Amino acid sequence: MLFFFGDFGDKILARNGLDRPLLPLSQELEWAAQNREGKSLRDTIYKLSLADSIYVLWRERNLRIFQNKSRDVNGVTSEIFNSVRAKAISWSTIKFSAQNRQICDT
């Protein structure tokens, strides 16, 4: 899970408006459970980003092991951001507000 740190982790946290270092995965999950337990758009996007990060990193791992292929950090983070964006676009219950607009524009 070393790939979860460094530039990759910084990009995921920055995209979610968090200015702190990424924690080890188990601690990051614990932090999310304690600090992003709400149903606000910001909380939902963070949790979705975290879940998609784990899934995309798992797929990247398999790509490297079984197909001897790999992508750079930008390719992996782009897949995560696009996946989160596609899911969020499909939500019909998002309330239009300045705060939610700011979240979506980042």
PDB file of N, CA and C in Angstrom:
ATOM      1  N   MET A   1       0.815  -1.202   0.000  1.00  0.00           N
ATOM      2  CA  MET A   1       0.000   0.000   0.000  1.00  0.00           C
ATOM      3  C   MET A   1       0.859   1.266   0.000  1.00  0.00           C
ATOM      4  N   LEU A   2       2.127   1.140  -0.300  1.00  0.00           N
ATOM      5  CA  LEU A   2       2.979   2.322  -0.359  1.00  0.00           C
ATOM      6  C   LEU A   2       2.485   3.312  -1.397  1.00  0.00           C
ATOM      7  N   PHE A   3       1.865   2.801  -2.480  1.00  0.00           N
ATOM      8  CA  PHE A   3       1.361   3.681  -3.532  1.00  0.00           C
ATOM      9  C   PHE A   3       0.285   4.623  -3.001  1.00  0.00           C
ATOM     10  N   PHE A   4      -0.318   4.257  -1.879  1.00  0.00           N
ATOM     11  CA  PHE A   4      -1.381   5.065  -1.291  1.00  0.00           C
ATOM     12  C   PHE A   4      -0.842   6.371  -0.725  1.00  0.00           C
ATOM     13  N   PHE A   5       0.468   6.453  -0.539  1.00  0.00           N
ATOM     14  CA  PHE A   5       1.095   7.645   0.032  1.00  0.00           C
ATOM     15  C   PHE A   5       1.720   8.499  -1.064  1.00  0.00           C
ATOM     16  N   GLY A   6       2.399   9.556  -0.656  1.00  0.00           N
ATOM     17  CA  GLY A   6       3.114  10.411  -1.603  1.00  0.00           C
ATOM     18  C   GLY A   6       2.184  11.258  -2.445  1.00  0.00           C
ATOM     19  N   ASP A   7       2.559  11.457  -3.706  1.00  0.00           N
ATOM     20  CA  ASP A   7       1.786  12.310  -4.611  1.00  0.00           C
ATOM     21  C   ASP A   7       0.348  11.860  -4.739  1.00  0.00           C
ATOM     22  N   PHE A   8       0.146  10.551  -4.794  1.00  0.00           N
ATOM     23  CA  PHE A   8      -1.210  10.033  -4.947  1.00  0.00           C
ATOM     24  C   PHE A   8      -2.098  10.460  -3.786  1.00  0.00           C
ATOM     25  N   GLY A   9      -1.654  10.172  -2.578  1.00  0.00           N
ATOM     26  CA  GLY A   9      -2.443  10.516  -1.394  1.00  0.00           C
ATOM     27  C   GLY A   9      -2.654  12.008  -1.262  1.00  0.00           C
ATOM     28  N   ASP A  10      -1.617  12.782  -1.572  1.00  0.00           N
ATOM     29  CA  ASP A  10      -1.734  14.246  -1.513  1.00  0.00           C
ATOM     30  C   ASP A  10      -2.814  14.749  -2.454  1.00  0.00           C
ATOM     31  N   LYS A  11      -2.869  14.195  -3.660  1.00  0.00           N
ATOM     32  CA  LYS A  11      -3.871  14.635  -4.642  1.00  0.00           C
ATOM     33  C   LYS A  11      -5.287  14.289  -4.190  1.00  0.00           C
ATOM     34  N   ILE A  12      -5.456  13.108  -3.643  1.00  0.00           N
ATOM     35  CA  ILE A  12      -6.788  12.690  -3.184  1.00  0.00           C
ATOM     36  C   ILE A  12      -7.252  13.588  -2.035  1.00  0.00           C
ATOM     37  N   LEU A  13      -6.378  13.827  -1.060  1.00  0.00           N
ATOM     38  CA  LEU A  13      -6.759  14.669   0.078  1.00  0.00           C
ATOM     39  C   LEU A  13      -6.999  16.112  -0.359  1.00  0.00           C
ATOM     40  N   ALA A  14      -6.136  16.644  -1.204  1.00  0.00           N
ATOM     41  CA  ALA A  14      -6.299  18.035  -1.656  1.00  0.00           C
ATOM     42  C   ALA A  14      -7.608  18.196  -2.412  1.00  0.00           C
ATOM     43  N   ARG A  15      -7.963  17.214  -3.219  1.00  0.00           N
ATOM     44  CA  ARG A  15      -9.208  17.283  -3.983  1.00  0.00           C
ATOM     45  C   ARG A  15     -10.418  17.299  -3.059  1.00  0.00           C
ATOM     46  N   ASN A  16     -10.230  16.744  -1.855  1.00  0.00           N
ATOM     47  CA  ASN A  16     -11.314  16.710  -0.871  1.00  0.00           C
ATOM     48  C   ASN A  16     -11.198  17.825   0.158  1.00  0.00           C
ATOM     49  N   GLY A  17     -10.347  18.813  -0.118  1.00  0.00           N
ATOM     50  CA  GLY A  17     -10.237  19.978   0.749  1.00  0.00           C
ATOM     51  C   GLY A  17      -9.548  19.720   2.073  1.00  0.00           C
ATOM     52  N   LEU A  18      -8.737  18.696   2.153  1.00  0.00           N
ATOM     53  CA  LEU A  18      -8.048  18.356   3.400  1.00  0.00           C
ATOM     54  C   LEU A  18      -6.575  18.710   3.279  1.00  0.00           C
ATOM     55  N   ASP A  19      -6.101  19.519   4.207  1.00  0.00           N
ATOM     56  CA  ASP A  19      -4.703  19.938   4.204  1.00  0.00           C
ATOM     57  C   ASP A  19      -3.990  19.242   5.360  1.00  0.00           C
ATOM     58  N   ARG A  20      -3.742  17.955   5.163  1.00  0.00           N
ATOM     59  CA  ARG A  20      -3.058  17.155   6.173  1.00  0.00           C
ATOM     60  C   ARG A  20      -2.410  15.985   5.467  1.00  0.00           C
ATOM     61  N   PRO A  21      -1.434  15.353   6.118  1.00  0.00           N
ATOM     62  CA  PRO A  21      -0.821  14.184   5.491  1.00  0.00           C
ATOM     63  C   PRO A  21      -1.781  12.998   5.507  1.00  0.00           C
ATOM     64  N   LEU A  22      -1.641  12.151   4.516  1.00  0.00           N
ATOM     65  CA  LEU A  22      -2.442  10.936   4.462  1.00  0.00           C
ATOM     66  C   LEU A  22      -1.986   9.984   5.554  1.00  0.00           C
ATOM     67  N   LEU A  23      -2.937   9.378   6.227  1.00  0.00           N
ATOM     68  CA  LEU A  23      -2.635   8.430   7.298  1.00  0.00           C
ATOM     69  C   LEU A  23      -2.495   7.027   6.728  1.00  0.00           C
ATOM     70  N   PRO A  24      -1.858   6.114   7.461  1.00  0.00           N
ATOM     71  CA  PRO A  24      -1.888   4.708   7.031  1.00  0.00           C
ATOM     72  C   PRO A  24      -3.346   4.281   6.835  1.00  0.00           C
ATOM     73  N   LEU A  25      -3.577   3.369   5.918  1.00  0.00           N
ATOM     74  CA  LEU A  25      -4.934   3.044   5.486  1.00  0.00           C
ATOM     75  C   LEU A  25      -5.883   2.754   6.643  1.00  0.00           C
ATOM     76  N   SER A  26      -5.480   1.940   7.596  1.00  0.00           N
ATOM     77  CA  SER A  26      -6.385   1.608   8.704  1.00  0.00           C
ATOM     78  C   SER A  26      -6.744   2.859   9.512  1.00  0.00           C
ATOM     79  N   GLN A  27      -5.773   3.753   9.711  1.00  0.00           N
ATOM     80  CA  GLN A  27      -6.038   4.997  10.431  1.00  0.00           C
ATOM     81  C   GLN A  27      -6.877   5.961   9.594  1.00  0.00           C
ATOM     82  N   GLU A  28      -6.662   5.969   8.282  1.00  0.00           N
ATOM     83  CA  GLU A  28      -7.464   6.820   7.399  1.00  0.00           C
ATOM     84  C   GLU A  28      -8.925   6.390   7.431  1.00  0.00           C
ATOM     85  N   LEU A  29      -9.152   5.072   7.423  1.00  0.00           N
ATOM     86  CA  LEU A  29     -10.521   4.561   7.510  1.00  0.00           C
ATOM     87  C   LEU A  29     -11.157   4.922   8.850  1.00  0.00           C
ATOM     88  N   GLU A  30     -10.381   4.826   9.914  1.00  0.00           N
ATOM     89  CA  GLU A  30     -10.878   5.208  11.241  1.00  0.00           C
ATOM     90  C   GLU A  30     -11.196   6.701  11.289  1.00  0.00           C
ATOM     91  N   TRP A  31     -10.290   7.531  10.708  1.00  0.00           N
ATOM     92  CA  TRP A  31     -10.525   8.980  10.657  1.00  0.00           C
ATOM     93  C   TRP A  31     -11.811   9.277   9.895  1.00  0.00           C
ATOM     94  N   ALA A  32     -12.006   8.599   8.785  1.00  0.00           N
ATOM     95  CA  ALA A  32     -13.210   8.811   7.974  1.00  0.00           C
ATOM     96  C   ALA A  32     -14.468   8.459   8.761  1.00  0.00           C
ATOM     97  N   ALA A  33     -14.408   7.356   9.500  1.00  0.00           N
ATOM     98  CA  ALA A  33     -15.572   6.936  10.284  1.00  0.00           C
ATOM     99  C   ALA A  33     -15.915   7.949  11.373  1.00  0.00           C
ATOM    100  N   GLN A  34     -14.899   8.593  11.935  1.00  0.00           N
ATOM    101  CA  GLN A  34     -15.126   9.549  13.015  1.00  0.00           C
ATOM    102  C   GLN A  34     -15.435  10.963  12.518  1.00  0.00           C
ATOM    103  N   ASN A  35     -14.861  11.354  11.371  1.00  0.00           N
ATOM    104  CA  ASN A  35     -14.948  12.742  10.934  1.00  0.00           C
ATOM    105  C   ASN A  35     -15.803  12.972   9.698  1.00  0.00           C
ATOM    106  N   ARG A  36     -16.160  11.935   9.000  1.00  0.00           N
ATOM    107  CA  ARG A  36     -16.982  12.073   7.794  1.00  0.00           C
ATOM    108  C   ARG A  36     -18.186  11.150   7.872  1.00  0.00           C
ATOM    109  N   GLU A  37     -18.844  11.182   9.011  1.00  0.00           N
ATOM    110  CA  GLU A  37     -19.973  10.275   9.225  1.00  0.00           C
ATOM    111  C   GLU A  37     -21.297  10.846   8.733  1.00  0.00           C
ATOM    112  N   GLY A  38     -21.289  12.102   8.335  1.00  0.00           N
ATOM    113  CA  GLY A  38     -22.525  12.744   7.898  1.00  0.00           C
ATOM    114  C   GLY A  38     -22.919  12.374   6.485  1.00  0.00           C
ATOM    115  N   LYS A  39     -23.993  12.997   6.040  1.00  0.00           N
ATOM    116  CA  LYS A  39     -24.504  12.742   4.694  1.00  0.00           C
ATOM    117  C   LYS A  39     -24.373  13.979   3.809  1.00  0.00           C
ATOM    118  N   SER A  40     -23.549  14.933   4.234  1.00  0.00           N
ATOM    119  CA  SER A  40     -23.344  16.118   3.408  1.00  0.00           C
ATOM    120  C   SER A  40     -22.627  15.706   2.128  1.00  0.00           C
ATOM    121  N   LEU A  41     -22.672  16.569   1.136  1.00  0.00           N
ATOM    122  CA  LEU A  41     -21.993  16.275  -0.114  1.00  0.00           C
ATOM    123  C   LEU A  41     -20.500  16.104   0.119  1.00  0.00           C
ATOM    124  N   ARG A  42     -19.890  16.954   0.926  1.00  0.00           N
ATOM    125  CA  ARG A  42     -18.453  16.865   1.202  1.00  0.00           C
ATOM    126  C   ARG A  42     -18.106  15.515   1.846  1.00  0.00           C
ATOM    127  N   ASP A  43     -18.885  15.087   2.821  1.00  0.00           N
ATOM    128  CA  ASP A  43     -18.628  13.803   3.477  1.00  0.00           C
ATOM    129  C   ASP A  43     -18.799  12.641   2.501  1.00  0.00           C
ATOM    130  N   THR A  44     -19.841  12.704   1.703  1.00  0.00           N
ATOM    131  CA  THR A  44     -20.127  11.636   0.748  1.00  0.00           C
ATOM    132  C   THR A  44     -19.042  11.543  -0.317  1.00  0.00           C
ATOM    133  N   ILE A  45     -18.596  12.675  -0.825  1.00  0.00           N
ATOM    134  CA  ILE A  45     -17.543  12.691  -1.841  1.00  0.00           C
ATOM    135  C   ILE A  45     -16.241  12.129  -1.262  1.00  0.00           C
ATOM    136  N   TYR A  46     -15.913  12.511  -0.027  1.00  0.00           N
ATOM    137  CA  TYR A  46     -14.691  11.990   0.601  1.00  0.00           C
ATOM    138  C   TYR A  46     -14.754  10.471   0.721  1.00  0.00           C
ATOM    139  N   LYS A  47     -15.875   9.957   1.253  1.00  0.00           N
ATOM    140  CA  LYS A  47     -15.996   8.521   1.443  1.00  0.00           C
ATOM    141  C   LYS A  47     -15.966   7.783   0.103  1.00  0.00           C
ATOM    142  N   LEU A  48     -16.599   8.352  -0.885  1.00  0.00           N
ATOM    143  CA  LEU A  48     -16.581   7.757  -2.216  1.00  0.00           C
ATOM    144  C   LEU A  48     -15.169   7.788  -2.805  1.00  0.00           C
ATOM    145  N   SER A  49     -14.451   8.886  -2.593  1.00  0.00           N
ATOM    146  CA  SER A  49     -13.060   8.994  -3.071  1.00  0.00           C
ATOM    147  C   SER A  49     -12.180   7.942  -2.414  1.00  0.00           C
ATOM    148  N   LEU A  50     -12.381   7.740  -1.137  1.00  0.00           N
ATOM    149  CA  LEU A  50     -11.589   6.747  -0.409  1.00  0.00           C
ATOM    150  C   LEU A  50     -11.898   5.340  -0.920  1.00  0.00           C
ATOM    151  N   ALA A  51     -13.172   5.026  -1.077  1.00  0.00           N
ATOM    152  CA  ALA A  51     -13.558   3.699  -1.571  1.00  0.00           C
ATOM    153  C   ALA A  51     -13.053   3.470  -2.995  1.00  0.00           C
ATOM    154  N   ASP A  52     -13.223   4.475  -3.858  1.00  0.00           N
ATOM    155  CA  ASP A  52     -12.742   4.340  -5.236  1.00  0.00           C
ATOM    156  C   ASP A  52     -11.227   4.241  -5.288  1.00  0.00           C
ATOM    157  N   SER A  53     -10.542   4.932  -4.381  1.00  0.00           N
ATOM    158  CA  SER A  53      -9.078   4.848  -4.338  1.00  0.00           C
ATOM    159  C   SER A  53      -8.631   3.424  -4.055  1.00  0.00           C
ATOM    160  N   ILE A  54      -9.262   2.797  -3.085  1.00  0.00           N
ATOM    161  CA  ILE A  54      -8.901   1.422  -2.734  1.00  0.00           C
ATOM    162  C   ILE A  54      -9.169   0.494  -3.913  1.00  0.00           C
ATOM    163  N   TYR A  55     -10.320   0.653  -4.554  1.00  0.00           N
ATOM    164  CA  TYR A  55     -10.678  -0.200  -5.688  1.00  0.00           C
ATOM    165  C   TYR A  55      -9.726   0.010  -6.873  1.00  0.00           C
ATOM    166  N   VAL A  56      -9.448   1.265  -7.216  1.00  0.00           N
ATOM    167  CA  VAL A  56      -8.583   1.548  -8.360  1.00  0.00           C
ATOM    168  C   VAL A  56      -7.152   1.097  -8.079  1.00  0.00           C
ATOM    169  N   LEU A  57      -6.688   1.265  -6.840  1.00  0.00           N
ATOM    170  CA  LEU A  57      -5.346   0.785  -6.498  1.00  0.00           C
ATOM    171  C   LEU A  57      -5.268  -0.740  -6.578  1.00  0.00           C
ATOM    172  N   TRP A  58      -6.321  -1.416  -6.194  1.00  0.00           N
ATOM    173  CA  TRP A  58      -6.367  -2.868  -6.310  1.00  0.00           C
ATOM    174  C   TRP A  58      -6.289  -3.280  -7.779  1.00  0.00           C
ATOM    175  N   ARG A  59      -7.040  -2.573  -8.640  1.00  0.00           N
ATOM    176  CA  ARG A  59      -6.991  -2.861 -10.074  1.00  0.00           C
ATOM    177  C   ARG A  59      -5.615  -2.561 -10.649  1.00  0.00           C
ATOM    178  N   GLU A  60      -4.997  -1.463 -10.195  1.00  0.00           N
ATOM    179  CA  GLU A  60      -3.653  -1.108 -10.656  1.00  0.00           C
ATOM    180  C   GLU A  60      -2.643  -2.189 -10.237  1.00  0.00           C
ATOM    181  N   ARG A  61      -2.789  -2.666  -9.043  1.00  0.00           N
ATOM    182  CA  ARG A  61      -1.917  -3.748  -8.561  1.00  0.00           C
ATOM    183  C   ARG A  61      -2.040  -4.959  -9.458  1.00  0.00           C
ATOM    184  N   ASN A  62      -3.280  -5.346  -9.766  1.00  0.00           N
ATOM    185  CA  ASN A  62      -3.491  -6.507 -10.626  1.00  0.00           C
ATOM    186  C   ASN A  62      -2.945  -6.274 -12.028  1.00  0.00           C
ATOM    187  N   LEU A  63      -3.075  -5.081 -12.542  1.00  0.00           N
ATOM    188  CA  LEU A  63      -2.540  -4.732 -13.858  1.00  0.00           C
ATOM    189  C   LEU A  63      -1.028  -4.916 -13.877  1.00  0.00           C
ATOM    190  N   ARG A  64      -0.391  -4.489 -12.817  1.00  0.00           N
ATOM    191  CA  ARG A  64       1.069  -4.609 -12.736  1.00  0.00           C
ATOM    192  C   ARG A  64       1.517  -6.057 -12.570  1.00  0.00           C
ATOM    193  N   ILE A  65       0.810  -6.810 -11.761  1.00  0.00           N
ATOM    194  CA  ILE A  65       1.218  -8.188 -11.487  1.00  0.00           C
ATOM    195  C   ILE A  65       0.906  -9.115 -12.660  1.00  0.00           C
ATOM    196  N   PHE A  66      -0.313  -9.042 -13.188  1.00  0.00           N
ATOM    197  CA  PHE A  66      -0.760 -10.034 -14.156  1.00  0.00           C
ATOM    198  C   PHE A  66      -0.559  -9.634 -15.613  1.00  0.00           C
ATOM    199  N   GLN A  67      -0.471  -8.333 -15.891  1.00  0.00           N
ATOM    200  CA  GLN A  67      -0.307  -7.904 -17.283  1.00  0.00           C
ATOM    201  C   GLN A  67       0.996  -7.144 -17.508  1.00  0.00           C
ATOM    202  N   ASN A  68       1.781  -6.972 -16.455  1.00  0.00           N
ATOM    203  CA  ASN A  68       3.056  -6.270 -16.542  1.00  0.00           C
ATOM    204  C   ASN A  68       2.891  -4.871 -17.158  1.00  0.00           C
ATOM    205  N   LYS A  69       1.804  -4.203 -16.817  1.00  0.00           N
ATOM    206  CA  LYS A  69       1.525  -2.845 -17.280  1.00  0.00           C
ATOM    207  C   LYS A  69       1.356  -1.961 -16.061  1.00  0.00           C
ATOM    208  N   SER A  70       1.538  -0.658 -16.247  1.00  0.00           N
ATOM    209  CA  SER A  70       1.326   0.266 -15.133  1.00  0.00           C
ATOM    210  C   SER A  70       0.990   1.648 -15.663  1.00  0.00           C
ATOM    211  N   ARG A  71       0.418   2.459 -14.775  1.00  0.00           N
ATOM    212  CA  ARG A  71       0.105   3.855 -15.081  1.00  0.00           C
ATOM    213  C   ARG A  71       0.806   4.723 -14.060  1.00  0.00           C
ATOM    214  N   ASP A  72       0.994   5.982 -14.417  1.00  0.00           N
ATOM    215  CA  ASP A  72       1.597   6.908 -13.469  1.00  0.00           C
ATOM    216  C   ASP A  72       0.528   7.422 -12.503  1.00  0.00           C
ATOM    217  N   VAL A  73       0.956   8.216 -11.548  1.00  0.00           N
ATOM    218  CA  VAL A  73       0.054   8.747 -10.521  1.00  0.00           C
ATOM    219  C   VAL A  73      -1.087   9.536 -11.156  1.00  0.00           C
ATOM    220  N   ASN A  74      -0.783  10.336 -12.158  1.00  0.00           N
ATOM    221  CA  ASN A  74      -1.835  11.139 -12.799  1.00  0.00           C
ATOM    222  C   ASN A  74      -2.894  10.264 -13.458  1.00  0.00           C
ATOM    223  N   GLY A  75      -2.484   9.162 -14.062  1.00  0.00           N
ATOM    224  CA  GLY A  75      -3.447   8.264 -14.687  1.00  0.00           C
ATOM    225  C   GLY A  75      -4.373   7.616 -13.673  1.00  0.00           C
ATOM    226  N   VAL A  76      -3.801   7.211 -12.554  1.00  0.00           N
ATOM    227  CA  VAL A  76      -4.594   6.557 -11.505  1.00  0.00           C
ATOM    228  C   VAL A  76      -5.537   7.558 -10.842  1.00  0.00           C
ATOM    229  N   THR A  77      -5.025   8.740 -10.498  1.00  0.00           N
ATOM    230  CA  THR A  77      -5.894   9.732  -9.838  1.00  0.00           C
ATOM    231  C   THR A  77      -6.977  10.224 -10.789  1.00  0.00           C
ATOM    232  N   SER A  78      -6.672  10.336 -12.070  1.00  0.00           N
ATOM    233  CA  SER A  78      -7.697  10.738 -13.047  1.00  0.00           C
ATOM    234  C   SER A  78      -8.834   9.730 -13.083  1.00  0.00           C
ATOM    235  N   GLU A  79      -8.494   8.445 -13.034  1.00  0.00           N
ATOM    236  CA  GLU A  79      -9.541   7.425 -13.021  1.00  0.00           C
ATOM    237  C   GLU A  79     -10.422   7.559 -11.785  1.00  0.00           C
ATOM    238  N   ILE A  80      -9.805   7.819 -10.646  1.00  0.00           N
ATOM    239  CA  ILE A  80     -10.578   7.980  -9.411  1.00  0.00           C
ATOM    240  C   ILE A  80     -11.474   9.207  -9.492  1.00  0.00           C
ATOM    241  N   PHE A  81     -10.912  10.342  -9.897  1.00  0.00           N
ATOM    242  CA  PHE A  81     -11.695  11.572  -9.977  1.00  0.00           C
ATOM    243  C   PHE A  81     -12.848  11.422 -10.971  1.00  0.00           C
ATOM    244  N   ASN A  82     -12.592  10.793 -12.105  1.00  0.00           N
ATOM    245  CA  ASN A  82     -13.641  10.599 -13.107  1.00  0.00           C
ATOM    246  C   ASN A  82     -14.730   9.663 -12.605  1.00  0.00           C
ATOM    247  N   SER A  83     -14.341   8.641 -11.876  1.00  0.00           N
ATOM    248  CA  SER A  83     -15.314   7.710 -11.311  1.00  0.00           C
ATOM    249  C   SER A  83     -16.208   8.408 -10.280  1.00  0.00           C
ATOM    250  N   VAL A  84     -15.596   9.181  -9.399  1.00  0.00           N
ATOM    251  CA  VAL A  84     -16.365   9.914  -8.381  1.00  0.00           C
ATOM    252  C   VAL A  84     -17.297  10.922  -9.063  1.00  0.00           C
ATOM    253  N   ARG A  85     -16.773  11.636 -10.040  1.00  0.00           N
ATOM    254  CA  ARG A  85     -17.577  12.628 -10.765  1.00  0.00           C
ATOM    255  C   ARG A  85     -18.776  11.976 -11.456  1.00  0.00           C
ATOM    256  N   ALA A  86     -18.545  10.839 -12.115  1.00  0.00           N
ATOM    257  CA  ALA A  86     -19.634  10.146 -12.819  1.00  0.00           C
ATOM    258  C   ALA A  86     -20.721   9.694 -11.851  1.00  0.00           C
ATOM    259  N   LYS A  87     -20.322   9.214 -10.695  1.00  0.00           N
ATOM    260  CA  LYS A  87     -21.314   8.790  -9.709  1.00  0.00           C
ATOM    261  C   LYS A  87     -22.079   9.982  -9.153  1.00  0.00           C
ATOM    262  N   ALA A  88     -21.366  11.063  -8.856  1.00  0.00           N
ATOM    263  CA  ALA A  88     -22.017  12.244  -8.278  1.00  0.00           C
ATOM    264  C   ALA A  88     -22.991  12.883  -9.262  1.00  0.00           C
ATOM    265  N   ILE A  89     -22.664  12.859 -10.529  1.00  0.00           N
ATOM    266  CA  ILE A  89     -23.548  13.448 -11.539  1.00  0.00           C
ATOM    267  C   ILE A  89     -24.894  12.731 -11.565  1.00  0.00           C
ATOM    268  N   SER A  90     -24.881  11.450 -11.247  1.00  0.00           N
ATOM    269  CA  SER A  90     -26.126  10.675 -11.307  1.00  0.00           C
ATOM    270  C   SER A  90     -27.038  10.892 -10.093  1.00  0.00           C
ATOM    271  N   TRP A  91     -26.547  11.570  -9.062  1.00  0.00           N
ATOM    272  CA  TRP A  91     -27.361  11.784  -7.870  1.00  0.00           C
ATOM    273  C   TRP A  91     -28.384  12.883  -8.141  1.00  0.00           C
ATOM    274  N   SER A  92     -29.623  12.574  -7.959  1.00  0.00           N
ATOM    275  CA  SER A  92     -30.673  13.557  -8.221  1.00  0.00           C
ATOM    276  C   SER A  92     -31.065  14.340  -6.967  1.00  0.00           C
ATOM    277  N   THR A  93     -30.518  13.979  -5.835  1.00  0.00           N
ATOM    278  CA  THR A  93     -30.934  14.614  -4.584  1.00  0.00           C
ATOM    279  C   THR A  93     -29.955  15.671  -4.087  1.00  0.00           C
ATOM    280  N   ILE A  94     -28.963  16.026  -4.899  1.00  0.00           N
ATOM    281  CA  ILE A  94     -28.003  17.037  -4.471  1.00  0.00           C
ATOM    282  C   ILE A  94     -28.675  18.403  -4.450  1.00  0.00           C
ATOM    283  N   LYS A  95     -28.596  19.054  -3.312  1.00  0.00           N
ATOM    284  CA  LYS A  95     -29.186  20.379  -3.153  1.00  0.00           C
ATOM    285  C   LYS A  95     -28.230  21.417  -3.745  1.00  0.00           C
ATOM    286  N   PHE A  96     -28.757  22.312  -4.552  1.00  0.00           N
ATOM    287  CA  PHE A  96     -27.925  23.357  -5.130  1.00  0.00           C
ATOM    288  C   PHE A  96     -27.655  24.411  -4.067  1.00  0.00           C
ATOM    289  N   SER A  97     -26.377  24.616  -3.774  1.00  0.00           N
ATOM    290  CA  SER A  97     -25.976  25.651  -2.827  1.00  0.00           C
ATOM    291  C   SER A  97     -24.578  26.121  -3.219  1.00  0.00           C
ATOM    292  N   ALA A  98     -24.164  27.253  -2.687  1.00  0.00           N
ATOM    293  CA  ALA A  98     -22.827  27.782  -2.985  1.00  0.00           C
ATOM    294  C   ALA A  98     -21.754  26.813  -2.495  1.00  0.00           C
ATOM    295  N   GLN A  99     -21.954  26.228  -1.318  1.00  0.00           N
ATOM    296  CA  GLN A  99     -20.973  25.300  -0.763  1.00  0.00           C
ATOM    297  C   GLN A  99     -20.866  24.049  -1.642  1.00  0.00           C
ATOM    298  N   ASN A 100     -21.999  23.489  -2.051  1.00  0.00           N
ATOM    299  CA  ASN A 100     -21.953  22.310  -2.898  1.00  0.00           C
ATOM    300  C   ASN A 100     -21.358  22.617  -4.255  1.00  0.00           C
ATOM    301  N   ARG A 101     -21.627  23.803  -4.781  1.00  0.00           N
ATOM    302  CA  ARG A 101     -21.050  24.208  -6.047  1.00  0.00           C
ATOM    303  C   ARG A 101     -19.527  24.292  -5.942  1.00  0.00           C
ATOM    304  N   GLN A 102     -19.038  24.821  -4.821  1.00  0.00           N
ATOM    305  CA  GLN A 102     -17.597  24.934  -4.608  1.00  0.00           C
ATOM    306  C   GLN A 102     -16.960  23.538  -4.547  1.00  0.00           C
ATOM    307  N   ILE A 103     -17.617  22.606  -3.892  1.00  0.00           N
ATOM    308  CA  ILE A 103     -17.113  21.232  -3.811  1.00  0.00           C
ATOM    309  C   ILE A 103     -17.021  20.621  -5.197  1.00  0.00           C
ATOM    310  N   CYS A 104     -18.036  20.830  -6.006  1.00  0.00           N
ATOM    311  CA  CYS A 104     -18.086  20.231  -7.343  1.00  0.00           C
ATOM    312  C   CYS A 104     -17.079  20.884  -8.290  1.00  0.00           C
ATOM    313  N   ASP A 105     -16.715  22.113  -8.051  1.00  0.00           N
ATOM    314  CA  ASP A 105     -15.794  22.816  -8.938  1.00  0.00           C
ATOM    315  C   ASP A 105     -14.341  22.482  -8.677  1.00  0.00           C
ATOM    316  N   THR A 106     -14.033  21.826  -7.544  1.00  0.00           N
ATOM    317  CA  THR A 106     -12.633  21.519  -7.239  1.00  0.00           C
ATOM    318  C   THR A 106     -12.148  20.298  -7.959  1.00  0.00           C
TER     319      THR A 106
END
